[in-house]
Amino acid sequence: MTTPGSVQSERKARKEFVRDRQRMVITVAVCFLVACVVLATLTILGVFKKEEEKAVVDASTNYGVSAPCIAKDTTAPDYTAITVRVLNGTSKSGLARALGQALANRGFVLQGVSDYQKNDVARTEIRFGEKGLSEAYTLYAQFNDAILRMDNRTDKLVDVIVGETFDDLNDTDQISTTAGTKLTSVGGCVAASKLTDLPAATKHDAVK
């Protein structure tokens, strides 16, 4: 038999259950609104930029890597005066050989091709020493997404470490840096003498 007390208890329990559900719904709704506001704020501030926009910004300043400036009025040497070695920094077999042949076809002197010590290099790097500045800048014009990085070598050999982002060389009709043209420093460059803690050059046959 149902008593008045049990009925009241049941009603009270149902009311508590309803209130708990309402509080849960309100909490979820508030959290959702807060998340929307935060997301909108970050978007307005430009945190979530398109990858293409980030690439343009990074490329203009050598992808955030400090590179040495080229001296004013320095001109590009002839391709035949630039010795290049190509190292494959990826797991894609034959990539260094193909790139080396392509550069040789354009007139660069190919010292050889080999695998780099790592096979997970993200972006192609052009490695060079202070004596090979004009050679490195001239070679740099062949690529659309490479990084210029000076190391501690004391000769003129220029290394190309092929990275995962490499697709192809720039078309020859798009390259304005040819023998005798003035070279332009990359954005954010600093004087070569101010670059310290240079990475060690990969073992190689020196080019004078």
N, C-alpha and C. Protein backbone atom coordinates (compact mmCIF):
# COMPACT_ATOMS: atom_id res chain seq x y z
N MET A 1 0.84 -1.19 0.00
CA MET A 1 0.00 0.00 0.00
C MET A 1 0.88 1.24 0.00
N THR A 2 0.48 2.17 -0.91
CA THR A 2 1.28 3.40 -1.02
C THR A 2 0.84 4.40 0.03
N THR A 3 1.79 4.93 0.75
CA THR A 3 1.49 5.90 1.81
C THR A 3 1.78 7.30 1.30
N PRO A 4 1.15 8.32 1.94
CA PRO A 4 1.42 9.71 1.53
C PRO A 4 2.90 10.05 1.59
N GLY A 5 3.61 9.45 2.59
CA GLY A 5 5.04 9.74 2.71
C GLY A 5 5.84 9.21 1.56
N SER A 6 5.49 7.99 1.09
CA SER A 6 6.24 7.42 -0.02
C SER A 6 5.99 8.17 -1.31
N VAL A 7 4.75 8.69 -1.49
CA VAL A 7 4.43 9.47 -2.68
C VAL A 7 5.25 10.76 -2.72
N GLN A 8 5.34 11.41 -1.56
CA GLN A 8 6.10 12.66 -1.47
C GLN A 8 7.60 12.41 -1.75
N SER A 9 8.07 11.30 -1.22
CA SER A 9 9.48 10.96 -1.44
C SER A 9 9.76 10.72 -2.92
N GLU A 10 8.80 10.03 -3.58
CA GLU A 10 8.96 9.76 -5.00
C GLU A 10 8.96 11.05 -5.81
N ARG A 11 8.05 11.95 -5.47
CA ARG A 11 7.97 13.24 -6.18
C ARG A 11 9.26 14.04 -5.98
N LYS A 12 9.74 14.02 -4.75
CA LYS A 12 10.98 14.75 -4.45
C LYS A 12 12.15 14.19 -5.25
N ALA A 13 12.20 12.86 -5.32
CA ALA A 13 13.27 12.22 -6.08
C ALA A 13 13.20 12.58 -7.56
N ARG A 14 11.97 12.61 -8.11
CA ARG A 14 11.83 12.98 -9.54
C ARG A 14 12.26 14.42 -9.77
N LYS A 15 11.90 15.30 -8.84
CA LYS A 15 12.29 16.71 -8.99
C LYS A 15 13.81 16.86 -8.97
N GLU A 16 14.45 16.12 -8.04
CA GLU A 16 15.91 16.17 -7.97
C GLU A 16 16.55 15.67 -9.26
N PHE A 17 15.98 14.58 -9.81
CA PHE A 17 16.48 14.01 -11.06
C PHE A 17 16.37 15.02 -12.20
N VAL A 18 15.19 15.69 -12.28
CA VAL A 18 14.97 16.69 -13.33
C VAL A 18 15.94 17.85 -13.18
N ARG A 19 16.14 18.29 -11.93
CA ARG A 19 17.05 19.42 -11.71
C ARG A 19 18.48 19.05 -12.09
N ASP A 20 18.87 17.79 -11.75
CA ASP A 20 20.21 17.33 -12.12
C ASP A 20 20.40 17.32 -13.63
N ARG A 21 19.40 16.86 -14.37
CA ARG A 21 19.47 16.83 -15.82
C ARG A 21 19.57 18.25 -16.38
N GLN A 22 18.79 19.17 -15.80
CA GLN A 22 18.81 20.56 -16.26
C GLN A 22 20.19 21.18 -16.03
N ARG A 23 20.75 20.90 -14.85
CA ARG A 23 22.08 21.45 -14.55
C ARG A 23 23.12 20.90 -15.53
N MET A 24 23.01 19.62 -15.86
CA MET A 24 23.95 19.00 -16.80
C MET A 24 23.85 19.62 -18.18
N VAL A 25 22.60 19.82 -18.65
CA VAL A 25 22.39 20.42 -19.96
C VAL A 25 22.95 21.84 -19.99
N ILE A 26 22.69 22.60 -18.92
CA ILE A 26 23.17 23.99 -18.86
C ILE A 26 24.70 24.03 -18.86
N THR A 27 25.31 23.10 -18.09
CA THR A 27 26.78 23.05 -18.01
C THR A 27 27.40 22.76 -19.37
N VAL A 28 26.82 21.76 -20.06
CA VAL A 28 27.32 21.41 -21.39
C VAL A 28 27.18 22.57 -22.36
N ALA A 29 26.02 23.26 -22.30
CA ALA A 29 25.77 24.39 -23.19
C ALA A 29 26.76 25.52 -22.94
N VAL A 30 27.04 25.79 -21.65
CA VAL A 30 27.97 26.87 -21.30
C VAL A 30 29.38 26.52 -21.79
N CYS A 31 29.80 25.27 -21.58
CA CYS A 31 31.13 24.84 -22.04
C CYS A 31 31.26 24.97 -23.55
N PHE A 32 30.20 24.61 -24.27
CA PHE A 32 30.20 24.71 -25.72
C PHE A 32 30.34 26.16 -26.16
N LEU A 33 29.60 27.05 -25.51
CA LEU A 33 29.67 28.47 -25.86
C LEU A 33 31.05 29.04 -25.58
N VAL A 34 31.63 28.65 -24.45
CA VAL A 34 32.97 29.12 -24.10
C VAL A 34 33.99 28.66 -25.15
N ALA A 35 33.88 27.37 -25.55
CA ALA A 35 34.78 26.83 -26.56
C ALA A 35 34.65 27.59 -27.87
N CYS A 36 33.41 27.92 -28.26
CA CYS A 36 33.18 28.68 -29.50
C CYS A 36 33.82 30.05 -29.43
N VAL A 37 33.69 30.71 -28.27
CA VAL A 37 34.27 32.05 -28.10
C VAL A 37 35.79 31.99 -28.19
N VAL A 38 36.40 30.98 -27.54
CA VAL A 38 37.86 30.83 -27.57
C VAL A 38 38.33 30.57 -28.99
N LEU A 39 37.64 29.68 -29.70
CA LEU A 39 38.01 29.35 -31.07
C LEU A 39 37.91 30.57 -31.98
N ALA A 40 36.84 31.33 -31.81
CA ALA A 40 36.65 32.54 -32.62
C ALA A 40 37.75 33.56 -32.34
N THR A 41 38.12 33.69 -31.07
CA THR A 41 39.17 34.65 -30.69
C THR A 41 40.51 34.27 -31.31
N LEU A 42 40.85 32.97 -31.23
CA LEU A 42 42.11 32.50 -31.81
C LEU A 42 42.15 32.69 -33.32
N THR A 43 40.99 32.49 -33.95
CA THR A 43 40.91 32.67 -35.40
C THR A 43 41.13 34.12 -35.77
N ILE A 44 40.50 35.02 -35.01
CA ILE A 44 40.65 36.46 -35.28
C ILE A 44 42.10 36.89 -35.09
N LEU A 45 42.77 36.33 -34.08
CA LEU A 45 44.16 36.68 -33.82
C LEU A 45 45.12 36.05 -34.82
N GLY A 46 44.61 35.18 -35.68
CA GLY A 46 45.44 34.59 -36.73
C GLY A 46 46.24 33.39 -36.30
N VAL A 47 45.85 32.75 -35.19
CA VAL A 47 46.59 31.57 -34.74
C VAL A 47 46.45 30.44 -35.74
N PHE A 48 45.23 30.30 -36.27
CA PHE A 48 44.98 29.22 -37.22
C PHE A 48 45.08 29.75 -38.64
N LYS A 49 46.31 29.96 -39.10
CA LYS A 49 46.53 30.42 -40.47
C LYS A 49 46.58 29.23 -41.40
N LYS A 50 46.29 29.46 -42.63
CA LYS A 50 46.41 28.40 -43.63
C LYS A 50 47.87 28.02 -43.78
N GLU A 51 48.11 26.75 -44.10
CA GLU A 51 49.47 26.28 -44.26
C GLU A 51 50.21 27.06 -45.35
N GLU A 52 49.48 27.44 -46.43
CA GLU A 52 50.12 28.19 -47.50
C GLU A 52 50.62 29.53 -47.00
N GLU A 53 49.84 30.18 -46.12
CA GLU A 53 50.24 31.48 -45.59
C GLU A 53 51.46 31.33 -44.70
N LYS A 54 51.50 30.27 -43.89
CA LYS A 54 52.65 30.05 -43.03
C LYS A 54 53.89 29.81 -43.87
N ALA A 55 53.73 29.05 -44.95
CA ALA A 55 54.88 28.73 -45.80
C ALA A 55 55.47 29.98 -46.41
N VAL A 56 54.60 30.91 -46.84
CA VAL A 56 55.08 32.15 -47.44
C VAL A 56 55.87 32.97 -46.44
N VAL A 57 55.35 33.07 -45.21
CA VAL A 57 56.04 33.83 -44.18
C VAL A 57 57.38 33.19 -43.85
N ASP A 58 57.38 31.87 -43.65
CA ASP A 58 58.60 31.17 -43.31
C ASP A 58 59.64 31.26 -44.42
N ALA A 59 59.20 31.10 -45.66
CA ALA A 59 60.13 31.10 -46.78
C ALA A 59 60.84 32.44 -46.91
N SER A 60 60.14 33.52 -46.61
CA SER A 60 60.74 34.85 -46.78
C SER A 60 61.88 35.09 -45.81
N THR A 61 61.91 34.34 -44.73
CA THR A 61 62.99 34.50 -43.75
C THR A 61 63.74 33.18 -43.57
N ASN A 62 63.90 32.45 -44.67
CA ASN A 62 64.69 31.22 -44.66
C ASN A 62 64.13 30.20 -43.66
N TYR A 63 62.81 30.15 -43.54
CA TYR A 63 62.13 29.20 -42.65
C TYR A 63 62.63 29.29 -41.22
N GLY A 64 62.97 30.50 -40.80
CA GLY A 64 63.38 30.72 -39.42
C GLY A 64 64.81 30.37 -39.10
N VAL A 65 65.58 29.94 -40.09
CA VAL A 65 66.99 29.58 -39.88
C VAL A 65 67.88 30.77 -40.24
N SER A 66 68.76 31.14 -39.35
CA SER A 66 69.65 32.27 -39.62
C SER A 66 70.63 31.92 -40.74
N ALA A 67 70.64 32.76 -41.75
CA ALA A 67 71.54 32.56 -42.89
C ALA A 67 72.45 33.78 -43.02
N PRO A 68 73.64 33.60 -43.57
CA PRO A 68 74.55 34.74 -43.75
C PRO A 68 74.11 35.61 -44.92
N CYS A 69 74.31 36.90 -44.76
CA CYS A 69 74.00 37.82 -45.86
C CYS A 69 75.08 37.72 -46.92
N ILE A 70 74.69 38.00 -48.13
CA ILE A 70 75.65 38.03 -49.23
C ILE A 70 76.14 39.47 -49.37
N ALA A 71 77.41 39.66 -49.62
CA ALA A 71 77.97 41.01 -49.73
C ALA A 71 77.32 41.78 -50.89
N LYS A 72 77.16 43.07 -50.70
CA LYS A 72 76.54 43.91 -51.72
C LYS A 72 77.31 43.82 -53.04
N ASP A 73 76.57 43.77 -54.12
CA ASP A 73 77.11 43.72 -55.49
C ASP A 73 77.82 42.41 -55.82
N THR A 74 77.65 41.39 -54.98
CA THR A 74 78.20 40.07 -55.32
C THR A 74 77.39 39.48 -56.46
N THR A 75 78.06 38.94 -57.43
CA THR A 75 77.36 38.35 -58.58
C THR A 75 77.47 36.83 -58.56
N ALA A 76 76.53 36.20 -59.23
CA ALA A 76 76.48 34.74 -59.26
C ALA A 76 77.59 34.18 -60.14
N PRO A 77 78.29 33.18 -59.67
CA PRO A 77 79.31 32.54 -60.52
C PRO A 77 78.63 31.66 -61.56
N ASP A 78 79.38 31.27 -62.54
CA ASP A 78 78.85 30.36 -63.55
C ASP A 78 78.58 29.00 -62.90
N TYR A 79 77.53 28.34 -63.35
CA TYR A 79 77.18 27.04 -62.78
C TYR A 79 78.35 26.06 -62.85
N THR A 80 79.14 26.15 -63.89
CA THR A 80 80.26 25.20 -64.06
C THR A 80 81.37 25.42 -63.04
N ALA A 81 81.27 26.52 -62.28
CA ALA A 81 82.27 26.81 -61.25
C ALA A 81 81.77 26.40 -59.87
N ILE A 82 80.62 25.74 -59.81
CA ILE A 82 80.01 25.35 -58.53
C ILE A 82 79.99 23.83 -58.42
N THR A 83 80.69 23.32 -57.41
CA THR A 83 80.72 21.87 -57.18
C THR A 83 79.70 21.50 -56.12
N VAL A 84 78.86 20.54 -56.46
CA VAL A 84 77.75 20.16 -55.59
C VAL A 84 77.80 18.67 -55.27
N ARG A 85 77.45 18.36 -54.04
CA ARG A 85 77.25 16.96 -53.65
C ARG A 85 75.81 16.84 -53.15
N VAL A 86 75.13 15.78 -53.56
CA VAL A 86 73.73 15.60 -53.18
C VAL A 86 73.61 14.42 -52.22
N LEU A 87 72.98 14.68 -51.08
CA LEU A 87 72.79 13.66 -50.05
C LEU A 87 71.30 13.43 -49.84
N ASN A 88 70.89 12.20 -49.83
CA ASN A 88 69.48 11.86 -49.67
C ASN A 88 69.13 11.79 -48.19
N GLY A 89 68.32 12.75 -47.74
CA GLY A 89 67.89 12.78 -46.34
C GLY A 89 66.52 12.18 -46.14
N THR A 90 66.05 11.40 -47.12
CA THR A 90 64.72 10.78 -47.04
C THR A 90 64.86 9.27 -47.20
N SER A 91 63.72 8.59 -47.08
CA SER A 91 63.70 7.14 -47.27
C SER A 91 63.35 6.77 -48.71
N LYS A 92 63.25 7.77 -49.58
CA LYS A 92 62.90 7.53 -50.98
C LYS A 92 64.16 7.14 -51.76
N SER A 93 64.23 5.94 -52.17
CA SER A 93 65.41 5.43 -52.87
C SER A 93 65.61 6.11 -54.23
N GLY A 94 66.87 6.46 -54.53
CA GLY A 94 67.20 7.03 -55.83
C GLY A 94 66.97 8.52 -55.98
N LEU A 95 66.48 9.17 -54.93
CA LEU A 95 66.15 10.59 -55.04
C LEU A 95 67.40 11.45 -55.23
N ALA A 96 68.46 11.15 -54.49
CA ALA A 96 69.69 11.93 -54.61
C ALA A 96 70.31 11.77 -56.00
N ARG A 97 70.27 10.56 -56.52
CA ARG A 97 70.83 10.32 -57.85
C ARG A 97 70.08 11.10 -58.92
N ALA A 98 68.76 11.10 -58.81
CA ALA A 98 67.94 11.81 -59.80
C ALA A 98 68.18 13.31 -59.73
N LEU A 99 68.24 13.85 -58.51
CA LEU A 99 68.47 15.28 -58.34
C LEU A 99 69.87 15.66 -58.79
N GLY A 100 70.85 14.83 -58.46
CA GLY A 100 72.22 15.10 -58.88
C GLY A 100 72.35 15.15 -60.38
N GLN A 101 71.68 14.24 -61.06
CA GLN A 101 71.72 14.23 -62.53
C GLN A 101 71.06 15.47 -63.10
N ALA A 102 69.96 15.90 -62.47
CA ALA A 102 69.25 17.09 -62.94
C ALA A 102 70.13 18.33 -62.81
N LEU A 103 70.85 18.43 -61.69
CA LEU A 103 71.74 19.58 -61.48
C LEU A 103 72.92 19.53 -62.45
N ALA A 104 73.43 18.33 -62.69
CA ALA A 104 74.54 18.18 -63.65
C ALA A 104 74.09 18.58 -65.04
N ASN A 105 72.85 18.25 -65.39
CA ASN A 105 72.32 18.62 -66.70
C ASN A 105 72.22 20.14 -66.86
N ARG A 106 72.12 20.84 -65.73
CA ARG A 106 72.04 22.30 -65.79
C ARG A 106 73.41 22.96 -65.76
N GLY A 107 74.46 22.15 -65.63
CA GLY A 107 75.81 22.70 -65.70
C GLY A 107 76.60 22.67 -64.42
N PHE A 108 75.97 22.30 -63.30
CA PHE A 108 76.70 22.23 -62.03
C PHE A 108 77.64 21.02 -62.05
N VAL A 109 78.76 21.16 -61.34
CA VAL A 109 79.72 20.06 -61.25
C VAL A 109 79.29 19.15 -60.10
N LEU A 110 79.00 17.91 -60.41
CA LEU A 110 78.51 16.98 -59.40
C LEU A 110 79.68 16.18 -58.81
N GLN A 111 79.94 16.36 -57.52
CA GLN A 111 81.01 15.61 -56.86
C GLN A 111 80.57 14.18 -56.57
N GLY A 112 79.30 13.98 -56.34
CA GLY A 112 78.81 12.65 -56.05
C GLY A 112 77.46 12.69 -55.36
N VAL A 113 76.85 11.54 -55.19
CA VAL A 113 75.58 11.41 -54.48
C VAL A 113 75.72 10.32 -53.43
N SER A 114 74.99 10.47 -52.34
CA SER A 114 75.07 9.49 -51.27
C SER A 114 73.87 9.66 -50.35
N ASP A 115 73.77 8.79 -49.37
CA ASP A 115 72.73 8.93 -48.35
C ASP A 115 73.24 9.81 -47.23
N TYR A 116 72.36 10.60 -46.69
CA TYR A 116 72.70 11.43 -45.53
C TYR A 116 72.64 10.55 -44.29
N GLN A 117 73.20 11.03 -43.20
CA GLN A 117 73.23 10.25 -41.96
C GLN A 117 71.85 10.06 -41.34
N LYS A 118 70.89 10.86 -41.78
CA LYS A 118 69.51 10.72 -41.31
C LYS A 118 68.60 10.57 -42.53
N ASN A 119 67.52 9.84 -42.38
CA ASN A 119 66.59 9.68 -43.50
C ASN A 119 65.22 10.28 -43.21
N ASP A 120 65.22 11.25 -42.27
CA ASP A 120 63.95 11.89 -41.92
C ASP A 120 64.06 13.41 -41.96
N VAL A 121 64.87 13.93 -42.88
CA VAL A 121 65.02 15.39 -43.02
C VAL A 121 63.73 15.95 -43.61
N ALA A 122 63.15 16.92 -42.94
CA ALA A 122 61.85 17.44 -43.36
C ALA A 122 61.96 18.32 -44.60
N ARG A 123 62.84 19.30 -44.59
CA ARG A 123 62.94 20.24 -45.70
C ARG A 123 64.37 20.25 -46.26
N THR A 124 64.48 20.34 -47.55
CA THR A 124 65.78 20.33 -48.22
C THR A 124 66.67 21.45 -47.68
N GLU A 125 67.94 21.11 -47.44
CA GLU A 125 68.89 22.10 -46.94
C GLU A 125 70.08 22.23 -47.89
N ILE A 126 70.53 23.44 -48.05
CA ILE A 126 71.75 23.71 -48.80
C ILE A 126 72.82 24.06 -47.77
N ARG A 127 73.81 23.20 -47.63
CA ARG A 127 74.86 23.38 -46.63
C ARG A 127 76.13 23.89 -47.31
N PHE A 128 76.80 24.81 -46.67
CA PHE A 128 77.97 25.45 -47.27
C PHE A 128 78.79 26.12 -46.19
N GLY A 129 80.01 26.50 -46.55
CA GLY A 129 80.86 27.24 -45.64
C GLY A 129 80.93 28.71 -46.06
N GLU A 130 81.60 29.50 -45.26
CA GLU A 130 81.68 30.94 -45.55
C GLU A 130 82.35 31.22 -46.89
N LYS A 131 83.27 30.36 -47.31
CA LYS A 131 83.94 30.57 -48.59
C LYS A 131 83.04 30.25 -49.78
N GLY A 132 81.96 29.56 -49.53
CA GLY A 132 81.07 29.16 -50.63
C GLY A 132 79.74 29.90 -50.64
N LEU A 133 79.75 31.12 -50.13
CA LEU A 133 78.51 31.89 -50.03
C LEU A 133 77.86 32.15 -51.38
N SER A 134 78.61 32.68 -52.32
CA SER A 134 78.02 33.01 -53.62
C SER A 134 77.60 31.74 -54.36
N GLU A 135 78.35 30.66 -54.18
CA GLU A 135 77.98 29.39 -54.80
C GLU A 135 76.67 28.86 -54.22
N ALA A 136 76.53 28.97 -52.90
CA ALA A 136 75.32 28.47 -52.24
C ALA A 136 74.09 29.29 -52.64
N TYR A 137 74.23 30.60 -52.69
CA TYR A 137 73.11 31.45 -53.07
C TYR A 137 72.70 31.19 -54.52
N THR A 138 73.68 30.95 -55.37
CA THR A 138 73.37 30.67 -56.78
C THR A 138 72.61 29.35 -56.91
N LEU A 139 73.06 28.33 -56.19
CA LEU A 139 72.38 27.04 -56.21
C LEU A 139 70.99 27.14 -55.58
N TYR A 140 70.88 27.94 -54.55
CA TYR A 140 69.61 28.14 -53.83
C TYR A 140 68.48 28.55 -54.76
N ALA A 141 68.80 29.31 -55.79
CA ALA A 141 67.79 29.80 -56.73
C ALA A 141 67.14 28.67 -57.53
N GLN A 142 67.76 27.50 -57.52
CA GLN A 142 67.21 26.37 -58.27
C GLN A 142 66.03 25.72 -57.53
N PHE A 143 65.89 26.02 -56.24
CA PHE A 143 64.90 25.36 -55.40
C PHE A 143 63.80 26.34 -54.98
N ASN A 144 62.62 25.80 -54.70
CA ASN A 144 61.52 26.66 -54.26
C ASN A 144 61.19 26.52 -52.78
N ASP A 145 61.85 25.60 -52.08
CA ASP A 145 61.53 25.44 -50.66
C ASP A 145 62.73 25.01 -49.82
N ALA A 146 63.92 25.36 -50.27
CA ALA A 146 65.13 24.92 -49.56
C ALA A 146 65.53 25.91 -48.47
N ILE A 147 66.34 25.41 -47.54
CA ILE A 147 66.88 26.23 -46.46
C ILE A 147 68.37 26.43 -46.69
N LEU A 148 68.83 27.65 -46.52
CA LEU A 148 70.27 27.92 -46.55
C LEU A 148 70.81 27.77 -45.13
N ARG A 149 71.79 26.90 -44.96
CA ARG A 149 72.37 26.72 -43.62
C ARG A 149 73.89 26.62 -43.71
N MET A 150 74.56 27.56 -43.09
CA MET A 150 76.03 27.57 -43.12
C MET A 150 76.56 26.64 -42.04
N ASP A 151 77.60 25.86 -42.38
CA ASP A 151 78.25 25.02 -41.38
C ASP A 151 79.72 25.41 -41.27
N ASN A 152 80.52 24.59 -40.63
CA ASN A 152 81.90 25.00 -40.33
C ASN A 152 82.93 24.56 -41.37
N ARG A 153 82.50 24.16 -42.55
CA ARG A 153 83.47 23.77 -43.58
C ARG A 153 84.27 24.99 -44.04
N THR A 154 85.47 24.75 -44.50
CA THR A 154 86.35 25.85 -44.88
C THR A 154 86.65 25.86 -46.38
N ASP A 155 85.88 25.11 -47.14
CA ASP A 155 86.11 25.06 -48.59
C ASP A 155 84.84 25.47 -49.32
N LYS A 156 84.80 25.26 -50.64
CA LYS A 156 83.69 25.75 -51.45
C LYS A 156 82.68 24.69 -51.89
N LEU A 157 82.84 23.47 -51.42
CA LEU A 157 81.85 22.46 -51.77
C LEU A 157 80.49 22.85 -51.19
N VAL A 158 79.43 22.68 -51.97
CA VAL A 158 78.07 22.94 -51.49
C VAL A 158 77.31 21.61 -51.47
N ASP A 159 76.73 21.31 -50.32
CA ASP A 159 75.93 20.10 -50.18
C ASP A 159 74.45 20.42 -50.31
N VAL A 160 73.74 19.52 -50.96
CA VAL A 160 72.27 19.58 -50.97
C VAL A 160 71.78 18.35 -50.22
N ILE A 161 71.13 18.58 -49.09
CA ILE A 161 70.54 17.48 -48.32
C ILE A 161 69.05 17.45 -48.66
N VAL A 162 68.64 16.46 -49.41
CA VAL A 162 67.27 16.41 -49.91
C VAL A 162 66.31 16.05 -48.78
N GLY A 163 65.24 16.85 -48.64
CA GLY A 163 64.25 16.61 -47.60
C GLY A 163 62.93 16.11 -48.16
N GLU A 164 62.04 15.74 -47.26
CA GLU A 164 60.76 15.16 -47.63
C GLU A 164 59.89 16.10 -48.46
N THR A 165 60.03 17.41 -48.28
CA THR A 165 59.17 18.35 -49.00
C THR A 165 59.62 18.57 -50.44
N PHE A 166 60.80 18.04 -50.81
CA PHE A 166 61.29 18.29 -52.16
C PHE A 166 60.36 17.67 -53.20
N ASP A 167 60.04 18.47 -54.22
CA ASP A 167 59.18 18.00 -55.31
C ASP A 167 59.94 18.02 -56.63
N ASP A 168 60.48 19.20 -56.96
CA ASP A 168 61.22 19.33 -58.20
C ASP A 168 62.00 20.63 -58.18
N LEU A 169 62.95 20.78 -59.08
CA LEU A 169 63.68 22.03 -59.22
C LEU A 169 62.78 23.07 -59.88
N ASN A 170 63.12 24.33 -59.68
CA ASN A 170 62.40 25.39 -60.40
C ASN A 170 62.66 25.24 -61.90
N ASP A 171 61.67 25.60 -62.68
CA ASP A 171 61.86 25.59 -64.13
C ASP A 171 62.96 26.59 -64.49
N THR A 172 63.76 26.25 -65.46
CA THR A 172 64.88 27.11 -65.82
C THR A 172 64.43 28.50 -66.27
N ASP A 173 63.25 28.59 -66.89
CA ASP A 173 62.79 29.91 -67.35
C ASP A 173 62.25 30.76 -66.20
N GLN A 174 62.19 30.19 -64.98
CA GLN A 174 61.75 30.95 -63.82
C GLN A 174 62.91 31.41 -62.95
N ILE A 175 64.12 31.01 -63.32
CA ILE A 175 65.30 31.33 -62.51
C ILE A 175 65.99 32.56 -63.07
N SER A 176 66.05 33.60 -62.26
CA SER A 176 66.69 34.85 -62.70
C SER A 176 68.14 34.92 -62.26
N THR A 177 68.52 34.05 -61.33
CA THR A 177 69.90 34.04 -60.85
C THR A 177 70.77 33.20 -61.77
N THR A 178 71.42 33.86 -62.69
CA THR A 178 72.33 33.19 -63.62
C THR A 178 73.69 33.88 -63.53
N ALA A 179 74.67 33.32 -64.20
CA ALA A 179 76.03 33.86 -64.13
C ALA A 179 76.06 35.36 -64.39
N GLY A 180 76.68 36.09 -63.46
CA GLY A 180 76.84 37.53 -63.64
C GLY A 180 75.75 38.38 -63.04
N THR A 181 74.61 37.77 -62.63
CA THR A 181 73.52 38.58 -62.04
C THR A 181 73.83 38.84 -60.56
N LYS A 182 73.34 39.95 -60.05
CA LYS A 182 73.57 40.29 -58.65
C LYS A 182 72.75 39.38 -57.74
N LEU A 183 73.38 38.94 -56.66
CA LEU A 183 72.72 38.07 -55.71
C LEU A 183 72.05 38.89 -54.61
N THR A 184 70.91 38.43 -54.16
CA THR A 184 70.16 39.12 -53.11
C THR A 184 70.10 38.27 -51.86
N SER A 185 70.37 38.87 -50.71
CA SER A 185 70.34 38.15 -49.45
C SER A 185 68.92 37.73 -49.08
N VAL A 186 68.81 36.62 -48.37
CA VAL A 186 67.50 36.18 -47.90
C VAL A 186 67.06 37.04 -46.73
N GLY A 187 65.77 37.09 -46.49
CA GLY A 187 65.24 37.89 -45.40
C GLY A 187 65.75 37.41 -44.05
N GLY A 188 66.00 38.36 -43.15
CA GLY A 188 66.44 38.02 -41.81
C GLY A 188 67.88 37.56 -41.72
N CYS A 189 68.66 37.78 -42.76
CA CYS A 189 70.06 37.31 -42.74
C CYS A 189 70.90 38.13 -41.77
N VAL A 190 72.03 37.56 -41.39
CA VAL A 190 72.98 38.26 -40.51
C VAL A 190 74.38 38.11 -41.12
N ALA A 191 75.29 38.92 -40.65
CA ALA A 191 76.67 38.84 -41.15
C ALA A 191 77.24 37.45 -40.84
N ALA A 192 77.96 36.89 -41.79
CA ALA A 192 78.51 35.55 -41.62
C ALA A 192 79.37 35.45 -40.37
N SER A 193 80.09 36.52 -40.05
CA SER A 193 80.98 36.51 -38.89
C SER A 193 80.22 36.44 -37.57
N LYS A 194 78.94 36.75 -37.61
CA LYS A 194 78.13 36.73 -36.39
C LYS A 194 77.41 35.40 -36.16
N LEU A 195 77.50 34.51 -37.11
CA LEU A 195 76.89 33.19 -36.94
C LEU A 195 77.82 32.31 -36.12
N THR A 196 77.35 31.86 -34.98
CA THR A 196 78.17 31.03 -34.09
C THR A 196 77.52 29.66 -33.91
N ASP A 197 78.22 28.77 -33.24
CA ASP A 197 77.73 27.41 -33.00
C ASP A 197 77.28 26.76 -34.31
N LEU A 198 78.12 26.88 -35.31
CA LEU A 198 77.79 26.30 -36.62
C LEU A 198 77.79 24.77 -36.55
N PRO A 199 76.88 24.13 -37.27
CA PRO A 199 76.88 22.66 -37.29
C PRO A 199 78.14 22.14 -37.97
N ALA A 200 78.54 20.94 -37.61
CA ALA A 200 79.72 20.33 -38.21
C ALA A 200 79.41 19.87 -39.62
N ALA A 201 80.31 20.14 -40.53
CA ALA A 201 80.13 19.74 -41.91
C ALA A 201 80.26 18.23 -42.03
N THR A 202 79.46 17.64 -42.92
CA THR A 202 79.58 16.22 -43.20
C THR A 202 80.92 15.97 -43.89
N LYS A 203 81.58 14.90 -43.56
CA LYS A 203 82.89 14.60 -44.13
C LYS A 203 82.83 14.59 -45.67
N HIS A 204 83.79 15.28 -46.28
CA HIS A 204 83.77 15.40 -47.74
C HIS A 204 85.16 15.71 -48.27
N ASP A 205 85.30 15.60 -49.60
CA ASP A 205 86.53 16.01 -50.26
C ASP A 205 86.45 17.50 -50.52
N ALA A 206 87.41 18.22 -49.98
CA ALA A 206 87.39 19.67 -50.07
C ALA A 206 87.51 20.18 -51.50
N VAL A 207 86.81 21.29 -51.77
CA VAL A 207 86.86 21.95 -53.08
C VAL A 207 87.41 23.34 -52.86
N LYS A 208 88.52 23.65 -53.53
CA LYS A 208 89.14 24.97 -53.36
C LYS A 208 88.52 26.00 -54.29
